[in-house]
N, C-alpha and C. Protein backbone atom coordinates (compact mmCIF):
# COMPACT_ATOMS: atom_id res chain seq x y z
N UNK A 1 8.70 44.42 9.89
CA UNK A 1 7.51 44.06 10.66
C UNK A 1 7.93 43.63 12.05
N UNK A 2 7.14 44.00 13.04
CA UNK A 2 7.43 43.60 14.38
C UNK A 2 6.20 43.63 15.23
N UNK A 3 6.23 42.80 16.27
CA UNK A 3 5.07 42.80 17.19
C UNK A 3 5.45 43.46 18.50
N UNK A 4 6.55 44.20 18.56
CA UNK A 4 6.97 44.86 19.76
C UNK A 4 6.68 46.36 19.74
N UNK A 5 6.07 46.86 18.71
CA UNK A 5 5.75 48.27 18.64
C UNK A 5 4.63 48.61 19.62
N UNK A 6 4.85 49.59 20.46
CA UNK A 6 3.87 49.94 21.50
C UNK A 6 3.24 51.30 21.31
N UNK A 7 3.81 52.12 20.44
CA UNK A 7 3.27 53.45 20.21
C UNK A 7 2.83 53.53 18.74
N UNK A 8 1.52 53.62 18.51
CA UNK A 8 0.97 53.51 17.18
C UNK A 8 0.39 54.87 16.75
N UNK A 9 0.03 54.92 15.47
CA UNK A 9 -0.65 56.10 14.94
C UNK A 9 -2.10 56.08 15.25
N UNK A 10 -2.69 57.24 15.63
CA UNK A 10 -4.15 57.31 15.87
C UNK A 10 -4.92 57.14 14.55
N UNK A 11 -6.14 56.67 14.68
CA UNK A 11 -6.95 56.36 13.51
C UNK A 11 -7.20 57.60 12.64
N UNK A 12 -7.35 58.82 13.24
CA UNK A 12 -7.61 59.99 12.43
C UNK A 12 -6.45 60.31 11.50
N UNK A 13 -5.22 60.06 11.92
CA UNK A 13 -4.08 60.30 11.03
C UNK A 13 -4.03 59.27 9.94
N UNK A 14 -4.30 58.00 10.26
CA UNK A 14 -4.36 56.94 9.23
C UNK A 14 -5.47 57.24 8.23
N UNK A 15 -6.60 57.78 8.69
CA UNK A 15 -7.68 58.14 7.78
C UNK A 15 -7.31 59.26 6.86
N UNK A 16 -6.58 60.28 7.42
CA UNK A 16 -6.14 61.40 6.61
C UNK A 16 -5.11 60.95 5.55
N UNK A 17 -4.25 60.00 5.92
CA UNK A 17 -3.31 59.44 4.97
C UNK A 17 -4.02 58.67 3.86
N UNK A 18 -5.05 57.90 4.26
CA UNK A 18 -5.79 57.12 3.28
C UNK A 18 -6.52 58.01 2.27
N UNK A 19 -7.02 59.18 2.70
CA UNK A 19 -7.72 60.07 1.78
C UNK A 19 -6.79 61.02 1.05
N UNK A 20 -5.50 61.01 1.38
CA UNK A 20 -4.55 61.87 0.71
C UNK A 20 -4.54 63.32 1.19
N UNK A 21 -5.10 63.54 2.40
CA UNK A 21 -5.18 64.91 2.90
C UNK A 21 -4.02 65.31 3.80
N UNK A 22 -3.09 64.39 4.07
CA UNK A 22 -1.90 64.72 4.81
C UNK A 22 -0.86 65.39 3.92
N UNK A 23 -0.01 66.24 4.48
CA UNK A 23 1.10 66.79 3.66
C UNK A 23 2.09 65.67 3.34
N UNK A 24 2.94 65.94 2.34
CA UNK A 24 3.89 64.95 1.92
C UNK A 24 4.85 64.53 3.03
N UNK A 25 5.26 65.51 3.85
CA UNK A 25 6.18 65.22 4.95
C UNK A 25 5.58 64.26 5.94
N UNK A 26 4.35 64.52 6.37
CA UNK A 26 3.70 63.63 7.36
C UNK A 26 3.33 62.31 6.69
N UNK A 27 2.99 62.34 5.42
CA UNK A 27 2.69 61.07 4.73
C UNK A 27 3.90 60.14 4.71
N UNK A 28 5.09 60.75 4.55
CA UNK A 28 6.29 59.92 4.54
C UNK A 28 6.51 59.22 5.90
N UNK A 29 6.22 59.91 6.96
CA UNK A 29 6.33 59.30 8.30
C UNK A 29 5.33 58.19 8.48
N UNK A 30 4.08 58.39 8.00
CA UNK A 30 3.06 57.38 8.10
C UNK A 30 3.47 56.18 7.28
N UNK A 31 3.91 56.40 6.03
CA UNK A 31 4.29 55.27 5.20
C UNK A 31 5.41 54.46 5.78
N UNK A 32 6.36 55.14 6.42
CA UNK A 32 7.47 54.47 7.09
C UNK A 32 6.99 53.63 8.28
N UNK A 33 6.10 54.18 9.08
CA UNK A 33 5.57 53.45 10.25
C UNK A 33 4.74 52.25 9.76
N UNK A 34 3.89 52.46 8.78
CA UNK A 34 3.03 51.37 8.29
C UNK A 34 3.87 50.22 7.71
N UNK A 35 5.03 50.55 7.17
CA UNK A 35 5.94 49.51 6.64
C UNK A 35 6.45 48.62 7.75
N UNK A 36 6.50 49.14 8.99
CA UNK A 36 7.08 48.37 10.08
C UNK A 36 6.04 47.80 11.03
N UNK A 37 4.81 48.30 10.99
CA UNK A 37 3.81 47.98 11.98
C UNK A 37 2.63 47.19 11.37
N UNK A 38 2.52 45.94 11.72
CA UNK A 38 1.41 45.09 11.20
C UNK A 38 0.06 45.63 11.63
N UNK A 39 -0.03 46.10 12.89
CA UNK A 39 -1.36 46.55 13.44
C UNK A 39 -1.84 47.78 12.66
N UNK A 40 -0.98 48.82 12.50
CA UNK A 40 -1.44 50.01 11.78
C UNK A 40 -1.68 49.74 10.28
N UNK A 41 -0.88 48.83 9.72
CA UNK A 41 -1.11 48.51 8.32
C UNK A 41 -2.46 47.84 8.12
N UNK A 42 -2.86 46.96 9.06
CA UNK A 42 -4.20 46.34 9.00
C UNK A 42 -5.27 47.35 9.18
N UNK A 43 -5.09 48.30 10.09
CA UNK A 43 -6.10 49.34 10.28
C UNK A 43 -6.23 50.19 9.03
N UNK A 44 -5.09 50.55 8.41
CA UNK A 44 -5.14 51.35 7.19
C UNK A 44 -5.84 50.62 6.07
N UNK A 45 -5.60 49.32 5.95
CA UNK A 45 -6.27 48.54 4.90
C UNK A 45 -7.78 48.54 5.11
N UNK A 46 -8.21 48.50 6.38
CA UNK A 46 -9.63 48.54 6.68
C UNK A 46 -10.24 49.90 6.29
N UNK A 47 -9.50 50.94 6.62
CA UNK A 47 -9.97 52.31 6.28
C UNK A 47 -10.07 52.46 4.76
N UNK A 48 -9.06 51.93 4.06
CA UNK A 48 -9.07 51.98 2.56
C UNK A 48 -10.29 51.26 2.04
N UNK A 49 -10.61 50.09 2.64
CA UNK A 49 -11.75 49.27 2.16
C UNK A 49 -13.05 50.03 2.34
N UNK A 50 -13.18 50.70 3.51
CA UNK A 50 -14.42 51.47 3.77
C UNK A 50 -14.54 52.64 2.75
N UNK A 51 -13.41 53.32 2.56
CA UNK A 51 -13.41 54.42 1.60
C UNK A 51 -13.78 53.93 0.20
N UNK A 52 -13.26 52.80 -0.21
CA UNK A 52 -13.57 52.21 -1.51
C UNK A 52 -15.05 51.87 -1.61
N UNK A 53 -15.62 51.36 -0.58
CA UNK A 53 -17.05 51.00 -0.61
C UNK A 53 -17.91 52.27 -0.71
N UNK A 54 -17.49 53.32 -0.03
CA UNK A 54 -18.24 54.61 -0.09
C UNK A 54 -18.19 55.18 -1.51
N UNK A 55 -17.01 55.09 -2.16
CA UNK A 55 -16.86 55.62 -3.48
C UNK A 55 -17.72 54.83 -4.47
N UNK A 56 -17.80 53.53 -4.30
CA UNK A 56 -18.58 52.70 -5.20
C UNK A 56 -20.06 53.04 -5.14
N UNK A 57 -20.50 53.54 -3.97
CA UNK A 57 -21.93 53.91 -3.81
C UNK A 57 -22.23 55.30 -4.26
N UNK A 58 -21.22 56.09 -4.69
CA UNK A 58 -21.46 57.45 -5.12
C UNK A 58 -21.83 57.51 -6.63
N UNK A 59 -22.64 58.49 -7.02
CA UNK A 59 -22.92 58.67 -8.38
C UNK A 59 -21.71 59.23 -9.11
N UNK A 60 -21.53 58.85 -10.37
CA UNK A 60 -20.40 59.32 -11.15
C UNK A 60 -20.58 60.81 -11.47
N UNK A 61 -19.44 61.51 -11.48
CA UNK A 61 -19.44 62.94 -11.75
C UNK A 61 -18.50 63.18 -12.93
N UNK A 62 -18.87 64.10 -13.83
CA UNK A 62 -17.93 64.44 -14.92
C UNK A 62 -16.67 65.07 -14.40
N UNK A 63 -15.52 64.80 -15.08
CA UNK A 63 -14.25 65.37 -14.66
C UNK A 63 -13.66 66.10 -15.85
N UNK A 64 -12.70 66.97 -15.53
CA UNK A 64 -12.03 67.75 -16.58
C UNK A 64 -11.17 66.82 -17.47
N UNK A 65 -10.98 67.22 -18.69
CA UNK A 65 -10.25 66.42 -19.64
C UNK A 65 -8.81 66.15 -19.21
N UNK A 66 -8.19 67.10 -18.50
CA UNK A 66 -6.83 66.97 -18.08
C UNK A 66 -6.64 66.16 -16.77
N UNK A 67 -7.75 65.72 -16.17
CA UNK A 67 -7.67 65.03 -14.88
C UNK A 67 -6.86 63.73 -14.97
N UNK A 68 -7.04 62.97 -16.01
CA UNK A 68 -6.32 61.70 -16.15
C UNK A 68 -4.82 61.93 -16.25
N UNK A 69 -4.45 62.92 -17.04
CA UNK A 69 -3.01 63.22 -17.19
C UNK A 69 -2.40 63.69 -15.89
N UNK A 70 -3.13 64.53 -15.13
CA UNK A 70 -2.63 65.02 -13.85
C UNK A 70 -2.52 63.88 -12.83
N UNK A 71 -3.47 62.97 -12.85
CA UNK A 71 -3.43 61.84 -11.95
C UNK A 71 -2.23 60.93 -12.24
N UNK A 72 -2.01 60.64 -13.52
CA UNK A 72 -0.88 59.76 -13.90
C UNK A 72 0.43 60.43 -13.56
N UNK A 73 0.52 61.73 -13.70
CA UNK A 73 1.74 62.43 -13.35
C UNK A 73 2.02 62.32 -11.87
N UNK A 74 0.99 62.40 -11.04
CA UNK A 74 1.16 62.27 -9.61
C UNK A 74 1.59 60.88 -9.24
N UNK A 75 1.01 59.85 -9.90
CA UNK A 75 1.31 58.47 -9.60
C UNK A 75 2.77 58.16 -9.93
N UNK A 76 3.24 58.70 -11.04
CA UNK A 76 4.63 58.42 -11.47
C UNK A 76 5.66 59.34 -10.85
N UNK A 77 5.18 60.40 -10.17
CA UNK A 77 6.09 61.41 -9.57
C UNK A 77 6.56 60.98 -8.21
N UNK A 78 7.37 61.84 -7.63
CA UNK A 78 7.96 61.56 -6.32
C UNK A 78 6.92 61.45 -5.22
N UNK A 79 5.85 62.26 -5.30
CA UNK A 79 4.85 62.24 -4.25
C UNK A 79 4.18 60.90 -4.13
N UNK A 80 4.20 60.07 -5.20
CA UNK A 80 3.54 58.76 -5.13
C UNK A 80 4.22 57.84 -4.13
N UNK A 81 5.47 58.06 -3.86
CA UNK A 81 6.19 57.18 -2.91
C UNK A 81 5.55 57.19 -1.55
N UNK A 82 4.98 58.36 -1.18
CA UNK A 82 4.41 58.48 0.19
C UNK A 82 3.09 57.73 0.31
N UNK A 83 2.46 57.34 -0.83
CA UNK A 83 1.18 56.72 -0.74
C UNK A 83 1.29 55.21 -0.97
N UNK A 84 2.47 54.67 -1.03
CA UNK A 84 2.64 53.24 -1.12
C UNK A 84 2.16 52.56 0.16
N UNK A 85 1.98 51.22 0.08
CA UNK A 85 1.71 50.39 1.25
C UNK A 85 2.88 49.41 1.33
N UNK A 86 4.13 49.87 1.52
CA UNK A 86 5.29 48.97 1.38
C UNK A 86 5.47 48.08 2.60
N UNK A 87 6.02 46.91 2.38
CA UNK A 87 6.49 46.03 3.47
C UNK A 87 7.97 46.28 3.66
N UNK A 88 8.44 46.12 4.88
CA UNK A 88 9.84 46.40 5.19
C UNK A 88 10.77 45.57 4.31
N UNK A 89 11.73 46.23 3.67
CA UNK A 89 12.79 45.61 2.90
C UNK A 89 14.01 45.39 3.73
N UNK A 90 15.00 44.69 3.21
CA UNK A 90 16.22 44.48 3.91
C UNK A 90 16.94 45.79 4.14
N UNK A 91 17.57 45.96 5.31
CA UNK A 91 18.26 47.22 5.61
C UNK A 91 17.48 47.96 6.69
N UNK A 92 17.98 49.14 7.01
CA UNK A 92 17.36 49.96 8.10
C UNK A 92 16.12 50.70 7.64
N UNK A 93 16.17 51.30 6.40
CA UNK A 93 15.10 52.13 5.96
C UNK A 93 14.06 51.32 5.12
N UNK A 94 12.78 51.51 5.37
CA UNK A 94 11.74 50.96 4.47
C UNK A 94 11.84 51.61 3.08
N UNK A 95 11.21 50.98 2.11
CA UNK A 95 11.36 51.44 0.72
C UNK A 95 10.84 52.87 0.49
N UNK A 96 9.77 53.25 1.18
CA UNK A 96 9.24 54.61 1.02
C UNK A 96 10.27 55.66 1.39
N UNK A 97 11.01 55.40 2.46
CA UNK A 97 12.05 56.38 2.90
C UNK A 97 13.25 56.29 2.00
N UNK A 98 13.62 55.11 1.52
CA UNK A 98 14.78 54.99 0.66
C UNK A 98 14.63 55.81 -0.60
N UNK A 99 13.42 55.92 -1.11
CA UNK A 99 13.22 56.67 -2.34
C UNK A 99 13.51 58.15 -2.16
N UNK A 100 13.41 58.64 -0.92
CA UNK A 100 13.72 60.04 -0.62
C UNK A 100 15.19 60.26 -0.36
N UNK A 101 15.81 59.27 0.31
CA UNK A 101 17.20 59.33 0.68
C UNK A 101 18.12 59.02 -0.51
N UNK A 102 17.65 58.14 -1.39
CA UNK A 102 18.51 57.69 -2.49
C UNK A 102 19.26 56.40 -2.07
N UNK A 103 18.77 55.71 -1.06
CA UNK A 103 19.44 54.50 -0.60
C UNK A 103 19.12 54.27 0.87
N UNK A 104 19.97 53.45 1.52
CA UNK A 104 19.75 53.15 2.92
C UNK A 104 20.55 54.21 3.77
N UNK A 105 20.76 53.88 5.03
CA UNK A 105 21.35 54.85 5.95
C UNK A 105 22.73 55.33 5.49
N UNK A 106 23.49 54.49 4.79
CA UNK A 106 24.81 54.91 4.37
C UNK A 106 24.79 55.94 3.26
N UNK A 107 23.62 56.21 2.69
CA UNK A 107 23.47 57.21 1.62
C UNK A 107 23.04 58.56 2.20
N UNK A 108 22.77 58.67 3.51
CA UNK A 108 22.26 59.92 4.07
C UNK A 108 23.40 60.95 4.08
N UNK A 109 23.10 62.19 3.71
CA UNK A 109 24.04 63.28 3.74
C UNK A 109 23.83 64.05 5.04
N UNK A 110 24.49 63.63 6.11
CA UNK A 110 24.26 64.21 7.41
C UNK A 110 24.94 65.59 7.53
N UNK A 111 24.33 66.43 8.38
CA UNK A 111 24.92 67.71 8.70
C UNK A 111 24.87 67.91 10.20
N UNK A 112 25.95 68.33 10.79
CA UNK A 112 26.00 68.47 12.25
C UNK A 112 25.19 69.66 12.69
N UNK A 113 24.43 69.47 13.80
CA UNK A 113 23.69 70.59 14.40
C UNK A 113 24.13 70.87 15.85
N UNK A 114 25.27 70.28 16.23
CA UNK A 114 25.83 70.54 17.53
C UNK A 114 25.53 69.41 18.53
N UNK A 115 26.37 69.31 19.54
CA UNK A 115 26.22 68.32 20.64
C UNK A 115 26.26 66.86 20.09
N UNK A 116 26.88 66.71 18.94
CA UNK A 116 27.03 65.38 18.36
C UNK A 116 25.80 64.94 17.55
N UNK A 117 24.77 65.77 17.56
CA UNK A 117 23.52 65.45 16.82
C UNK A 117 23.71 65.84 15.34
N UNK A 118 23.24 64.96 14.47
CA UNK A 118 23.28 65.24 13.03
C UNK A 118 21.89 65.17 12.41
N UNK A 119 21.65 65.91 11.38
CA UNK A 119 20.38 65.86 10.68
C UNK A 119 20.55 65.87 9.19
N UNK A 120 19.52 65.41 8.48
CA UNK A 120 19.44 65.51 7.03
C UNK A 120 18.01 65.88 6.68
N UNK A 121 17.81 67.08 6.13
CA UNK A 121 16.48 67.55 5.74
C UNK A 121 16.16 66.94 4.38
N UNK A 122 14.98 66.31 4.25
CA UNK A 122 14.56 65.69 2.99
C UNK A 122 13.67 66.65 2.21
N UNK A 123 13.78 66.59 0.90
CA UNK A 123 13.02 67.48 0.02
C UNK A 123 11.55 67.01 -0.09
N UNK A 124 10.64 67.85 0.32
CA UNK A 124 9.20 67.56 0.16
C UNK A 124 8.46 68.82 -0.23
N UNK A 125 7.16 68.67 -0.49
CA UNK A 125 6.35 69.81 -0.88
C UNK A 125 6.23 70.79 0.33
N UNK A 126 5.96 72.06 0.01
CA UNK A 126 5.75 73.06 1.08
C UNK A 126 4.57 72.65 1.98
N UNK A 127 4.57 73.21 3.19
CA UNK A 127 3.49 72.96 4.12
C UNK A 127 3.93 72.27 5.38
N UNK A 128 5.01 71.50 5.30
CA UNK A 128 5.60 70.78 6.44
C UNK A 128 7.01 70.38 6.02
N UNK A 129 7.84 70.09 7.01
CA UNK A 129 9.20 69.64 6.72
C UNK A 129 9.46 68.30 7.41
N UNK A 130 10.39 67.52 6.85
CA UNK A 130 10.73 66.23 7.40
C UNK A 130 12.22 66.04 7.35
N UNK A 131 12.78 65.48 8.42
CA UNK A 131 14.24 65.35 8.52
C UNK A 131 14.58 64.03 9.24
N UNK A 132 15.74 63.51 8.88
CA UNK A 132 16.35 62.41 9.64
C UNK A 132 17.23 62.99 10.72
N UNK A 133 17.16 62.41 11.92
CA UNK A 133 18.00 62.85 13.03
C UNK A 133 18.82 61.67 13.54
N UNK A 134 20.06 61.91 13.83
CA UNK A 134 20.95 60.89 14.40
C UNK A 134 21.48 61.48 15.72
N UNK A 135 21.06 60.85 16.85
CA UNK A 135 21.35 61.38 18.17
C UNK A 135 22.28 60.40 18.90
N UNK A 136 23.41 60.85 19.38
CA UNK A 136 24.39 59.98 20.06
C UNK A 136 23.77 59.34 21.31
N UNK A 137 24.23 58.16 21.70
CA UNK A 137 23.77 57.53 22.90
C UNK A 137 23.87 58.45 24.13
N UNK A 138 22.82 58.58 24.90
CA UNK A 138 22.83 59.40 26.10
C UNK A 138 22.63 60.84 25.89
N UNK A 139 22.60 61.34 24.65
CA UNK A 139 22.47 62.76 24.38
C UNK A 139 20.97 63.16 24.54
N UNK A 140 20.80 64.38 25.01
CA UNK A 140 19.44 64.92 25.21
C UNK A 140 19.18 66.06 24.15
N UNK A 141 18.01 66.01 23.58
CA UNK A 141 17.58 67.10 22.70
C UNK A 141 17.17 68.30 23.55
N UNK A 142 17.29 69.54 23.07
CA UNK A 142 16.88 70.69 23.84
C UNK A 142 15.41 70.64 24.19
N UNK A 143 15.08 71.12 25.40
CA UNK A 143 13.70 71.14 25.85
C UNK A 143 12.91 72.04 24.93
N UNK A 144 11.75 71.54 24.46
CA UNK A 144 10.97 72.33 23.51
C UNK A 144 9.48 71.89 23.55
N UNK A 145 8.68 72.78 22.99
CA UNK A 145 7.31 72.46 22.71
C UNK A 145 7.09 72.79 21.20
N UNK A 146 5.86 72.90 20.75
CA UNK A 146 5.60 72.93 19.29
C UNK A 146 4.61 74.03 18.94
N UNK A 147 4.75 74.56 17.74
CA UNK A 147 3.78 75.49 17.21
C UNK A 147 2.70 74.78 16.38
N UNK A 148 2.86 73.52 16.20
CA UNK A 148 1.90 72.71 15.44
C UNK A 148 2.20 71.24 15.76
N UNK A 149 1.82 70.38 14.84
CA UNK A 149 2.00 68.97 15.08
C UNK A 149 3.44 68.51 14.74
N UNK A 150 3.95 67.61 15.52
CA UNK A 150 5.23 66.96 15.23
C UNK A 150 5.00 65.45 15.31
N UNK A 151 5.53 64.73 14.34
CA UNK A 151 5.39 63.29 14.31
C UNK A 151 6.76 62.67 14.09
N UNK A 152 7.17 61.77 15.00
CA UNK A 152 8.51 61.21 14.99
C UNK A 152 8.43 59.69 15.10
N UNK A 153 9.18 59.00 14.20
CA UNK A 153 9.25 57.53 14.23
C UNK A 153 10.70 57.17 14.45
N UNK A 154 10.96 56.18 15.29
CA UNK A 154 12.29 55.67 15.56
C UNK A 154 12.63 54.58 14.55
N UNK A 155 13.83 54.69 13.95
CA UNK A 155 14.32 53.73 12.99
C UNK A 155 15.43 52.85 13.53
N UNK A 156 16.17 53.38 14.49
CA UNK A 156 17.27 52.67 15.13
C UNK A 156 17.42 53.18 16.56
N UNK A 157 17.79 52.28 17.46
CA UNK A 157 17.96 52.69 18.87
C UNK A 157 16.66 52.99 19.55
N UNK A 158 16.69 53.92 20.49
CA UNK A 158 15.53 54.28 21.26
C UNK A 158 15.75 55.63 21.95
N UNK A 159 14.64 56.30 22.31
CA UNK A 159 14.73 57.50 23.15
C UNK A 159 13.63 57.47 24.19
N UNK A 160 13.81 58.27 25.20
CA UNK A 160 12.82 58.42 26.30
C UNK A 160 12.48 59.89 26.45
N UNK A 161 11.21 60.11 26.74
CA UNK A 161 10.77 61.47 27.14
C UNK A 161 9.56 61.34 28.04
N UNK A 162 8.84 62.42 28.22
CA UNK A 162 7.68 62.42 29.12
C UNK A 162 6.61 61.44 28.64
N UNK A 163 6.63 61.07 27.36
CA UNK A 163 5.61 60.14 26.83
C UNK A 163 5.96 58.69 26.99
N UNK A 164 7.19 58.37 27.47
CA UNK A 164 7.60 56.97 27.63
C UNK A 164 8.86 56.67 26.85
N UNK A 165 9.03 55.40 26.57
CA UNK A 165 10.22 54.94 25.83
C UNK A 165 9.78 54.56 24.39
N UNK A 166 10.54 55.01 23.41
CA UNK A 166 10.18 54.79 22.02
C UNK A 166 11.32 54.04 21.35
N UNK A 167 10.98 52.86 20.78
CA UNK A 167 11.97 52.00 20.14
C UNK A 167 11.69 51.94 18.62
N UNK A 168 12.42 51.11 17.89
CA UNK A 168 12.24 51.00 16.47
C UNK A 168 10.77 50.73 16.09
N UNK A 169 10.25 51.56 15.21
CA UNK A 169 8.88 51.43 14.75
C UNK A 169 7.90 52.24 15.54
N UNK A 170 8.24 52.59 16.80
CA UNK A 170 7.32 53.40 17.60
C UNK A 170 7.27 54.81 17.03
N UNK A 171 6.07 55.40 17.14
CA UNK A 171 5.88 56.76 16.62
C UNK A 171 5.27 57.62 17.74
N UNK A 172 5.80 58.87 17.84
CA UNK A 172 5.28 59.80 18.82
C UNK A 172 4.64 60.95 18.06
N UNK A 173 3.42 61.30 18.48
CA UNK A 173 2.70 62.43 17.89
C UNK A 173 2.60 63.50 18.98
N UNK A 174 3.13 64.68 18.72
CA UNK A 174 3.15 65.75 19.72
C UNK A 174 2.55 67.02 19.11
N UNK A 175 2.03 67.89 19.99
CA UNK A 175 1.50 69.17 19.54
C UNK A 175 1.87 70.25 20.52
N UNK A 176 1.20 71.38 20.48
CA UNK A 176 1.59 72.52 21.34
C UNK A 176 1.25 72.31 22.81
N UNK A 177 0.61 71.21 23.13
CA UNK A 177 0.37 70.85 24.53
C UNK A 177 1.47 70.01 25.14
N UNK A 178 2.41 69.57 24.30
CA UNK A 178 3.49 68.66 24.76
C UNK A 178 4.77 69.45 24.83
N UNK A 179 5.43 69.39 26.02
CA UNK A 179 6.78 69.91 26.20
C UNK A 179 7.66 68.72 26.59
N UNK A 180 8.77 68.56 25.86
CA UNK A 180 9.64 67.38 26.17
C UNK A 180 11.09 67.68 25.79
N UNK A 181 11.94 66.80 26.32
CA UNK A 181 13.37 66.86 26.03
C UNK A 181 13.85 65.42 25.82
N UNK A 182 13.63 64.85 24.65
CA UNK A 182 13.99 63.45 24.41
C UNK A 182 15.44 63.17 24.69
N UNK A 183 15.72 61.99 25.27
CA UNK A 183 17.08 61.54 25.59
C UNK A 183 17.28 60.21 24.94
N UNK A 184 18.34 60.11 24.13
CA UNK A 184 18.66 58.82 23.45
C UNK A 184 19.14 57.77 24.46
N UNK A 185 18.71 56.52 24.31
CA UNK A 185 19.16 55.47 25.16
C UNK A 185 20.66 55.20 24.95
N UNK A 186 21.26 54.54 25.94
CA UNK A 186 22.62 54.06 25.80
C UNK A 186 22.68 52.98 24.75
N UNK A 187 23.87 52.77 24.19
CA UNK A 187 24.06 51.74 23.19
C UNK A 187 24.31 52.36 21.81
N UNK A 188 23.48 52.07 20.83
CA UNK A 188 23.68 52.62 19.46
C UNK A 188 23.04 53.97 19.32
N UNK A 189 23.48 54.77 18.33
CA UNK A 189 22.82 56.05 18.11
C UNK A 189 21.32 55.85 17.80
N UNK A 190 20.54 56.84 18.21
CA UNK A 190 19.12 56.83 17.90
C UNK A 190 18.88 57.58 16.59
N UNK A 191 18.36 56.89 15.60
CA UNK A 191 18.03 57.49 14.29
C UNK A 191 16.53 57.60 14.20
N UNK A 192 16.03 58.81 13.93
CA UNK A 192 14.58 59.06 13.87
C UNK A 192 14.25 59.77 12.55
N UNK A 193 13.03 59.64 12.18
CA UNK A 193 12.44 60.46 11.08
C UNK A 193 11.36 61.35 11.69
N UNK A 194 11.52 62.66 11.55
CA UNK A 194 10.60 63.59 12.24
C UNK A 194 10.03 64.59 11.26
N UNK A 195 8.71 64.75 11.31
CA UNK A 195 8.01 65.75 10.46
C UNK A 195 7.40 66.80 11.36
N UNK A 196 7.49 68.04 10.96
CA UNK A 196 6.93 69.17 11.68
C UNK A 196 6.23 70.12 10.73
N UNK A 197 5.14 70.75 11.21
CA UNK A 197 4.47 71.68 10.37
C UNK A 197 4.73 73.14 10.68
N UNK A 198 5.60 73.37 11.69
CA UNK A 198 6.05 74.70 12.09
C UNK A 198 7.29 74.60 12.89
N UNK A 199 8.10 75.68 13.01
CA UNK A 199 9.31 75.64 13.81
C UNK A 199 8.99 75.31 15.28
N UNK A 200 9.92 74.64 15.94
CA UNK A 200 9.76 74.28 17.34
C UNK A 200 9.87 75.54 18.21
N UNK A 201 9.38 75.41 19.44
CA UNK A 201 9.56 76.48 20.45
C UNK A 201 10.55 75.98 21.50
N UNK A 202 11.76 76.48 21.47
CA UNK A 202 12.80 76.06 22.42
C UNK A 202 12.72 76.93 23.71
N UNK A 203 13.02 76.26 24.82
CA UNK A 203 12.98 76.96 26.11
C UNK A 203 14.25 77.75 26.38
N UNK A 204 15.38 77.24 25.95
CA UNK A 204 16.66 77.89 26.26
C UNK A 204 17.12 78.81 25.13
N UNK A 205 17.97 79.76 25.47
CA UNK A 205 18.37 80.79 24.52
C UNK A 205 19.25 80.22 23.40
N UNK A 206 20.24 79.38 23.72
CA UNK A 206 21.16 78.90 22.67
C UNK A 206 20.46 78.18 21.54
N UNK A 207 19.57 77.24 21.82
CA UNK A 207 18.85 76.59 20.70
C UNK A 207 18.00 77.57 19.91
N UNK A 208 17.47 78.60 20.56
CA UNK A 208 16.67 79.61 19.82
C UNK A 208 17.55 80.37 18.84
N UNK A 209 18.77 80.72 19.31
CA UNK A 209 19.72 81.45 18.43
C UNK A 209 20.15 80.62 17.23
N UNK A 210 20.33 79.31 17.46
CA UNK A 210 20.80 78.44 16.39
C UNK A 210 19.68 77.97 15.45
N UNK A 211 18.45 78.19 15.85
CA UNK A 211 17.29 77.62 15.13
C UNK A 211 17.24 78.06 13.67
N UNK A 212 17.44 79.34 13.33
CA UNK A 212 17.35 79.69 11.91
C UNK A 212 18.42 79.05 11.02
N UNK A 213 19.56 78.76 11.58
CA UNK A 213 20.63 78.19 10.79
C UNK A 213 20.36 76.70 10.48
N UNK A 214 19.71 76.00 11.40
CA UNK A 214 19.51 74.57 11.23
C UNK A 214 18.07 74.23 10.80
N UNK A 215 17.26 75.29 10.63
CA UNK A 215 15.89 75.13 10.04
C UNK A 215 15.11 74.09 10.87
N UNK A 216 15.18 74.20 12.20
CA UNK A 216 14.49 73.32 13.07
C UNK A 216 13.15 73.90 13.55
């Protein structure tokens, strides 16, 4: 928890998370941010309360016999971790993210993608992908735009781009109208969790050639 977060999630994304309409990859980013941000967690709780009140006012509808079993399977399965409302635990990663990594940052299986940058792609349902990125101090990511939405939360260090400076807990939401080349701040490596719903659009040739190998 922190009161220094300056870049928050918009209400429509929090509402989509509350109703369960976000993909698993984006839900994981939201759950991670909500674990660190008092303001967005309070907003989410308000949205949940409104949704609960609406449901209470609806007439009951018959459901299929297998609905209860399917619901319990989802609750006890991996996807349930993205729908938690966790509070930050000790260590770098909130509990929702730890359940995907299998521990804290020392449990991440990093893979080099060049220029000192490392990534670890996390296993989620189809429809969007989510990865951890570790960017060395002062390193710049290739200039790119997007074929869909990209959502990035900082877990350690900071980066700067055309949208400003993003520190621990800050989240940046970008789409095909945003072109940027994030640069990690000096000091410690910048570790981010980023979800995308489509491959990025790189400006330069070399990143485009490497893109299929690194699934970016």
